[in-house]
Amino acid sequence: MYNYLDFEKPVADLEGKIIELKKLAEGDEAVDVSEEIARLEKRSRDALRDIYKALTPWQKTQVARHQDRPHCLDYVRGLFSDFTPLAGDRAFGEDHAIVCGFARFRGEPVAVIGQEKGDDTKSRLKHNFGMAKPEGYRKAIRVMELADRFSVPVVSLVDTAGAYPGINAEERGQAEAIARSTSACLALKVPSLSVIIGEGGSGGAIAIATANRVYMLEHSIYSVISPEGAASILWHDSTRAKDAATSMKITAQDLLELKIIDAIILEPLGGAHRGPDTAISATGDQIAKGLAELAGSNMDFREQRREKYLAMGRNL
């Protein structure tokens, strides 16, 4: 059984009936319910297709945050071989919210930087729900500098509600660390590529997502602030997050139209959480395509990034 979202109730009801019929058939082999099961499965697929064809920005936000959606480490395990993680920022300590290291992607060396939310209570606490502290961004900078030194492309996997807003993070220079990480992304002499696999929240995301190519999964979101945060600022009412999400243009479709991102990676019907392997494989194909395009060009990667980000918002 899936963890159903509120708007998926029609599908949940149908799939619940299918499960009941299958249990009935297992208990009594004389009962033939195969035709009824097939009919309900078709209705369930059709209902799921209709729902996901017309998702609102707030519903996409819920899908992007789904607890069963594949996370950074799932992509690392599914797409990269010989992954060697690096720990610590050589200044304060280790931050498990950001996973960094070197690996091979389809035989070629790459640097990997990603935000890991965790998939159960213990791992979520360990990874601080993907919300990095300054030492996490300084660790990312360290890996970017190594990638530059050894001429290795950088791939980042973004999935965070935002940087950690705690007092201890601010005391250690959170804003400065985010700014320096963003600057390090822009200064890379090697090609860089970023994929928003879930949430791309605020400067916490931009700090590792300022790349030559930026892709988003179909039902991911990318925003300057969370919908709840925007609602709190604009209306002093976080319960109006749905209104904020609708107004902020945070979906992959909106951002592709605005030329903020470069391509959308299609997800399986019902979201990446319903077909993790398919979503991970499609992401790998898009990463391979992007790296091939960048490797086959004679562009100055720093200059291309400069022009890419300066052009945003100029011709709207």
Protein backbone atom coordinates (compact mmCIF):
# COMPACT_ATOMS: atom_id res chain seq x y z
CA MET A 1 0.00 0.00 0.00
CA TYR A 2 1.14 3.50 -0.81
CA ASN A 3 1.02 6.47 1.50
CA TYR A 4 -1.76 8.33 -0.28
CA LEU A 5 -2.01 12.08 -0.49
CA ASP A 6 -5.32 13.82 0.24
CA PHE A 7 -6.17 14.40 -3.41
CA GLU A 8 -5.49 10.74 -4.26
CA LYS A 9 -8.50 9.47 -2.26
CA PRO A 10 -10.42 8.18 -5.35
CA VAL A 11 -7.38 6.08 -6.28
CA ALA A 12 -6.91 4.92 -2.68
CA ASP A 13 -10.53 3.69 -2.55
CA LEU A 14 -10.17 1.75 -5.79
CA GLU A 15 -6.83 0.19 -4.87
CA GLY A 16 -8.24 -0.73 -1.45
CA LYS A 17 -11.05 -2.66 -3.17
CA ILE A 18 -8.50 -4.39 -5.41
CA ILE A 19 -6.53 -5.55 -2.38
CA GLU A 20 -9.70 -6.86 -0.73
CA LEU A 21 -10.64 -8.82 -3.86
CA LYS A 22 -7.16 -10.33 -4.13
CA LYS A 23 -7.33 -11.47 -0.50
CA LEU A 24 -10.77 -12.95 -1.16
CA ALA A 25 -9.40 -14.89 -4.13
CA GLU A 26 -6.48 -16.18 -2.07
CA GLY A 27 -8.85 -17.42 0.65
CA ASP A 28 -11.25 -19.15 -1.74
CA GLU A 29 -9.81 -20.39 -5.05
CA ALA A 30 -13.30 -21.22 -6.29
CA VAL A 31 -14.11 -17.52 -6.44
CA ASP A 32 -13.04 -15.96 -9.76
CA VAL A 33 -12.65 -12.20 -9.40
CA SER A 34 -10.00 -11.69 -12.06
CA GLU A 35 -12.30 -9.74 -14.39
CA GLU A 36 -13.46 -7.45 -11.59
CA ILE A 37 -9.85 -6.88 -10.50
CA ALA A 38 -8.81 -6.03 -14.08
CA ARG A 39 -11.74 -3.60 -14.37
CA LEU A 40 -10.85 -1.88 -11.11
CA GLU A 41 -7.15 -1.70 -12.04
CA LYS A 42 -8.05 0.06 -15.27
CA ARG A 43 -10.30 2.49 -13.39
CA SER A 44 -7.51 3.12 -10.90
CA ARG A 45 -4.96 3.86 -13.66
CA ASP A 46 -7.40 6.15 -15.44
CA ALA A 47 -8.21 8.01 -12.21
CA LEU A 48 -4.51 8.39 -11.39
CA ARG A 49 -3.80 9.68 -14.90
CA ASP A 50 -6.62 12.22 -14.69
CA ILE A 51 -5.48 13.45 -11.27
CA TYR A 52 -1.81 13.83 -12.21
CA LYS A 53 -2.66 15.45 -15.53
CA ALA A 54 -4.14 18.44 -13.70
CA LEU A 55 -2.13 18.84 -10.50
CA THR A 56 -2.18 22.29 -8.93
CA PRO A 57 1.11 23.87 -7.73
CA TRP A 58 0.18 23.02 -4.13
CA GLN A 59 -0.54 19.40 -5.05
CA LYS A 60 2.83 19.23 -6.83
CA THR A 61 4.41 20.56 -3.65
CA GLN A 62 2.85 17.67 -1.75
CA VAL A 63 4.14 15.17 -4.33
CA ALA A 64 7.63 16.71 -4.20
CA ARG A 65 7.61 16.21 -0.42
CA HIS A 66 6.17 12.68 -0.47
CA GLN A 67 7.89 10.56 2.17
CA ASP A 68 8.35 7.63 -0.22
CA ARG A 69 9.90 9.69 -3.01
CA PRO A 70 13.46 8.52 -3.84
CA HIS A 71 16.08 10.65 -2.11
CA CYS A 72 19.67 11.61 -2.89
CA LEU A 73 21.25 8.40 -1.63
CA ASP A 74 18.79 6.34 -3.72
CA TYR A 75 20.04 8.18 -6.81
CA VAL A 76 23.66 7.75 -5.74
CA ARG A 77 23.17 3.99 -5.33
CA GLY A 78 21.21 3.69 -8.58
CA LEU A 79 23.32 5.86 -10.88
CA PHE A 80 26.91 5.95 -9.62
CA SER A 81 29.53 3.31 -9.02
CA ASP A 82 32.64 3.44 -6.82
CA PHE A 83 31.16 6.28 -4.79
CA THR A 84 33.68 7.52 -2.24
CA PRO A 85 32.13 9.97 0.23
CA LEU A 86 34.15 12.79 1.77
CA ALA A 87 33.35 14.11 5.24
CA GLY A 88 33.92 17.34 7.09
CA ASP A 89 34.63 20.92 6.10
CA ARG A 90 38.13 21.02 7.67
CA ALA A 91 36.93 23.88 9.87
CA PHE A 92 34.13 22.80 12.22
CA GLY A 93 32.70 19.36 11.60
CA GLU A 94 30.64 17.00 9.50
CA ASP A 95 27.14 17.81 8.20
CA HIS A 96 25.17 14.74 7.13
CA ALA A 97 22.53 16.88 5.38
CA ILE A 98 24.90 17.21 2.43
CA VAL A 99 26.42 14.10 0.87
CA CYS A 100 29.59 14.72 -1.15
CA GLY A 101 32.17 12.59 -2.87
CA PHE A 102 33.62 11.23 -6.06
CA ALA A 103 32.24 8.41 -8.17
CA ARG A 104 31.94 7.03 -11.66
CA PHE A 105 28.91 7.74 -13.78
CA ARG A 106 28.62 5.24 -16.63
CA GLY A 107 32.37 4.73 -16.46
CA GLU A 108 33.39 8.39 -16.27
CA PRO A 109 34.63 10.16 -13.10
CA VAL A 110 32.34 12.79 -11.57
CA ALA A 111 32.01 14.74 -8.34
CA VAL A 112 28.64 14.25 -6.64
CA ILE A 113 27.03 16.73 -4.24
CA GLY A 114 23.53 16.14 -2.89
CA GLN A 115 21.10 16.89 -0.10
CA GLU A 116 19.74 13.87 1.77
CA LYS A 117 16.50 14.11 3.76
CA GLY A 118 16.43 10.57 5.16
CA ASP A 119 13.67 7.99 4.83
CA ASP A 120 12.77 7.12 8.42
CA THR A 121 12.83 8.88 11.79
CA LYS A 122 16.40 7.89 12.64
CA SER A 123 17.90 8.84 9.27
CA ARG A 124 15.86 12.06 9.05
CA LEU A 125 17.29 13.19 12.36
CA LYS A 126 20.79 12.19 11.26
CA HIS A 127 20.50 14.14 8.01
CA ASN A 128 18.56 17.01 9.64
CA PHE A 129 15.75 16.59 7.08
CA GLY A 130 18.13 17.73 4.31
CA MET A 131 18.58 21.19 5.83
CA ALA A 132 22.30 21.94 5.73
CA LYS A 133 24.33 23.99 8.17
CA PRO A 134 27.36 26.12 7.21
CA GLU A 135 29.75 23.18 7.47
CA GLY A 136 27.68 21.33 4.88
CA TYR A 137 28.09 24.10 2.32
CA ARG A 138 31.79 24.44 3.16
CA LYS A 139 32.16 20.71 2.57
CA ALA A 140 30.48 21.17 -0.82
CA ILE A 141 32.93 23.98 -1.64
CA ARG A 142 35.80 21.67 -0.72
CA VAL A 143 34.55 19.04 -3.17
CA MET A 144 34.00 21.62 -5.92
CA GLU A 145 37.57 22.86 -5.52
CA LEU A 146 38.87 19.29 -5.78
CA ALA A 147 36.73 18.70 -8.89
CA ASP A 148 38.22 21.80 -10.48
CA ARG A 149 41.74 20.73 -9.58
CA PHE A 150 41.33 17.32 -11.19
CA SER A 151 39.08 18.45 -14.11
CA VAL A 152 36.09 16.35 -13.04
CA PRO A 153 32.48 17.39 -13.89
CA VAL A 154 30.17 18.19 -10.98
CA VAL A 155 26.69 16.69 -10.60
CA SER A 156 24.42 17.97 -7.83
CA LEU A 157 21.15 16.45 -6.59
CA VAL A 158 18.94 19.01 -4.89
CA ASP A 159 16.29 18.12 -2.32
CA THR A 160 15.86 20.53 0.58
CA ALA A 161 13.19 22.71 2.11
CA GLY A 162 15.97 25.24 2.69
CA ALA A 163 19.13 25.79 4.70
CA TYR A 164 18.89 25.13 8.43
CA PRO A 165 17.57 28.31 10.13
CA GLY A 166 18.78 27.57 13.67
CA ILE A 167 20.68 30.03 15.84
CA ASN A 168 23.82 27.87 15.91
CA ALA A 169 23.92 27.82 12.11
CA GLU A 170 23.58 31.60 11.95
CA GLU A 171 26.34 31.97 14.55
CA ARG A 172 28.67 29.93 12.35
CA GLY A 173 27.98 32.06 9.27
CA GLN A 174 25.10 30.43 7.41
CA ALA A 175 24.53 33.28 4.96
CA GLU A 176 28.24 33.61 4.21
CA ALA A 177 28.59 29.86 3.63
CA ILE A 178 25.63 29.83 1.21
CA ALA A 179 27.02 32.85 -0.67
CA ARG A 180 30.49 31.28 -0.94
CA SER A 181 29.03 27.97 -2.12
CA THR A 182 27.00 29.75 -4.80
CA SER A 183 30.12 31.67 -5.82
CA ALA A 184 32.08 28.40 -5.98
CA CYS A 185 29.42 26.96 -8.33
CA LEU A 186 29.75 29.99 -10.61
CA ALA A 187 33.56 29.85 -10.56
CA LEU A 188 33.90 26.20 -11.60
CA LYS A 189 36.08 25.75 -14.69
CA VAL A 190 34.58 22.29 -15.26
CA PRO A 191 31.05 21.52 -16.51
CA SER A 192 28.35 21.36 -13.85
CA LEU A 193 24.87 19.92 -13.89
CA SER A 194 22.11 20.02 -11.28
CA VAL A 195 18.88 18.05 -10.86
CA ILE A 196 16.02 19.11 -8.58
CA ILE A 197 14.77 15.70 -7.44
CA GLY A 198 12.24 16.90 -4.85
CA GLU A 199 12.21 20.31 -3.21
CA GLY A 200 14.56 23.06 -4.28
CA GLY A 201 14.08 25.51 -1.45
CA SER A 202 15.60 29.00 -1.31
CA GLY A 203 19.34 29.71 -1.03
CA GLY A 204 19.77 26.29 0.51
CA ALA A 205 19.14 24.84 -2.93
CA ILE A 206 20.79 27.53 -5.05
CA ALA A 207 24.04 27.06 -3.11
CA ILE A 208 24.64 23.78 -4.97
CA ALA A 209 22.29 24.21 -7.95
CA THR A 210 23.93 27.13 -9.78
CA ALA A 211 25.03 25.01 -12.73
CA ASN A 212 25.49 25.06 -16.50
CA ARG A 213 22.45 22.83 -16.86
CA VAL A 214 19.57 22.65 -14.38
CA TYR A 215 16.91 19.95 -14.69
CA MET A 216 13.79 19.23 -12.65
CA LEU A 217 11.78 16.10 -12.17
CA GLU A 218 8.24 16.55 -13.44
CA HIS A 219 6.61 16.92 -10.03
CA SER A 220 9.43 18.65 -8.16
CA ILE A 221 9.40 22.30 -7.07
CA TYR A 222 12.03 25.06 -7.07
CA SER A 223 11.39 28.29 -5.19
CA VAL A 224 12.97 31.33 -3.58
CA ILE A 225 11.14 30.49 -0.34
CA SER A 226 8.81 27.73 0.81
CA PRO A 227 5.08 28.34 0.23
CA GLU A 228 4.56 28.36 4.00
CA GLY A 229 7.32 30.92 4.46
CA ALA A 230 5.96 33.15 1.71
CA ALA A 231 2.44 32.98 3.18
CA SER A 232 3.79 33.92 6.62
CA ILE A 233 5.54 36.98 5.19
CA LEU A 234 2.84 38.13 2.79
CA TRP A 235 -0.29 37.42 4.81
CA HIS A 236 1.06 36.60 8.28
CA ASP A 237 -0.76 33.30 7.89
CA SER A 238 1.15 30.11 7.01
CA THR A 239 -2.14 28.29 6.35
CA ARG A 240 -2.35 30.24 3.09
CA ALA A 241 0.58 28.24 1.69
CA LYS A 242 -1.72 26.93 -1.06
CA ASP A 243 -2.32 30.50 -2.30
CA ALA A 244 1.40 31.26 -2.16
CA ALA A 245 2.32 28.12 -4.12
CA THR A 246 -0.18 29.06 -6.84
CA SER A 247 1.28 32.57 -7.20
CA MET A 248 5.00 31.80 -6.96
CA LYS A 249 5.58 29.86 -10.21
CA ILE A 250 7.42 27.02 -8.48
CA THR A 251 6.58 24.06 -10.74
CA ALA A 252 8.90 22.57 -13.33
CA GLN A 253 6.49 23.52 -16.09
CA ASP A 254 6.38 27.18 -15.04
CA LEU A 255 10.14 27.39 -14.61
CA LEU A 256 10.87 25.82 -17.99
CA GLU A 257 8.59 28.41 -19.60
CA LEU A 258 10.44 31.16 -17.70
CA LYS A 259 13.78 29.69 -18.86
CA ILE A 260 14.98 29.19 -15.30
CA ILE A 261 15.63 25.49 -15.95
CA ASP A 262 16.76 23.64 -19.06
CA ALA A 263 14.61 20.50 -19.18
CA ILE A 264 11.98 18.44 -17.36
CA ILE A 265 12.54 14.78 -16.50
CA LEU A 266 9.29 12.83 -16.78
CA GLU A 267 8.17 10.78 -13.79
CA PRO A 268 6.21 7.51 -13.75
CA LEU A 269 2.42 7.80 -13.60
CA GLY A 270 1.55 8.81 -10.04
CA GLY A 271 4.94 10.34 -9.24
CA ALA A 272 8.48 9.11 -8.63
CA HIS A 273 7.42 7.37 -5.40
CA ARG A 274 5.30 4.93 -7.44
CA GLY A 275 8.20 3.95 -9.69
CA PRO A 276 11.53 4.89 -8.06
CA ASP A 277 13.68 2.79 -10.39
CA THR A 278 12.03 4.29 -13.47
CA ALA A 279 12.50 7.84 -12.14
CA ILE A 280 16.14 7.21 -11.25
CA SER A 281 16.84 5.67 -14.65
CA ALA A 282 15.24 8.61 -16.49
CA THR A 283 17.30 11.00 -14.40
CA GLY A 284 20.46 9.10 -15.31
CA ASP A 285 19.63 9.36 -19.00
CA GLN A 286 19.15 13.14 -18.72
CA ILE A 287 22.41 13.53 -16.78
CA ALA A 288 24.23 11.53 -19.46
CA LYS A 289 22.70 13.67 -22.20
CA GLY A 290 23.63 16.90 -20.41
CA LEU A 291 27.21 15.85 -19.71
CA ALA A 292 27.65 14.74 -23.32
CA GLU A 293 26.40 18.11 -24.58
CA LEU A 294 28.76 20.01 -22.29
CA ALA A 295 31.75 17.76 -22.99
CA GLY A 296 31.19 18.11 -26.74
CA SER A 297 31.22 21.90 -26.64
CA ASN A 298 34.09 24.36 -26.65
CA MET A 299 32.34 26.76 -24.28
CA ASP A 300 33.92 28.58 -21.39
CA PHE A 301 31.82 27.06 -18.63
CA ARG A 302 32.22 30.02 -16.29
CA GLU A 303 31.20 32.48 -18.99
CA GLN A 304 28.22 30.32 -19.98
CA ARG A 305 26.99 30.28 -16.39
CA ARG A 306 27.46 34.03 -16.12
CA GLU A 307 25.39 34.66 -19.23
CA LYS A 308 22.77 32.09 -18.21
CA TYR A 309 22.02 33.70 -14.87
CA LEU A 310 22.32 37.30 -16.02
CA ALA A 311 19.75 36.60 -18.75
CA MET A 312 17.09 35.42 -16.30
CA GLY A 313 14.20 37.85 -16.11
CA ARG A 314 15.46 40.12 -18.88
CA ASN A 315 13.01 39.13 -21.59
CA LEU A 316 9.82 38.33 -19.68
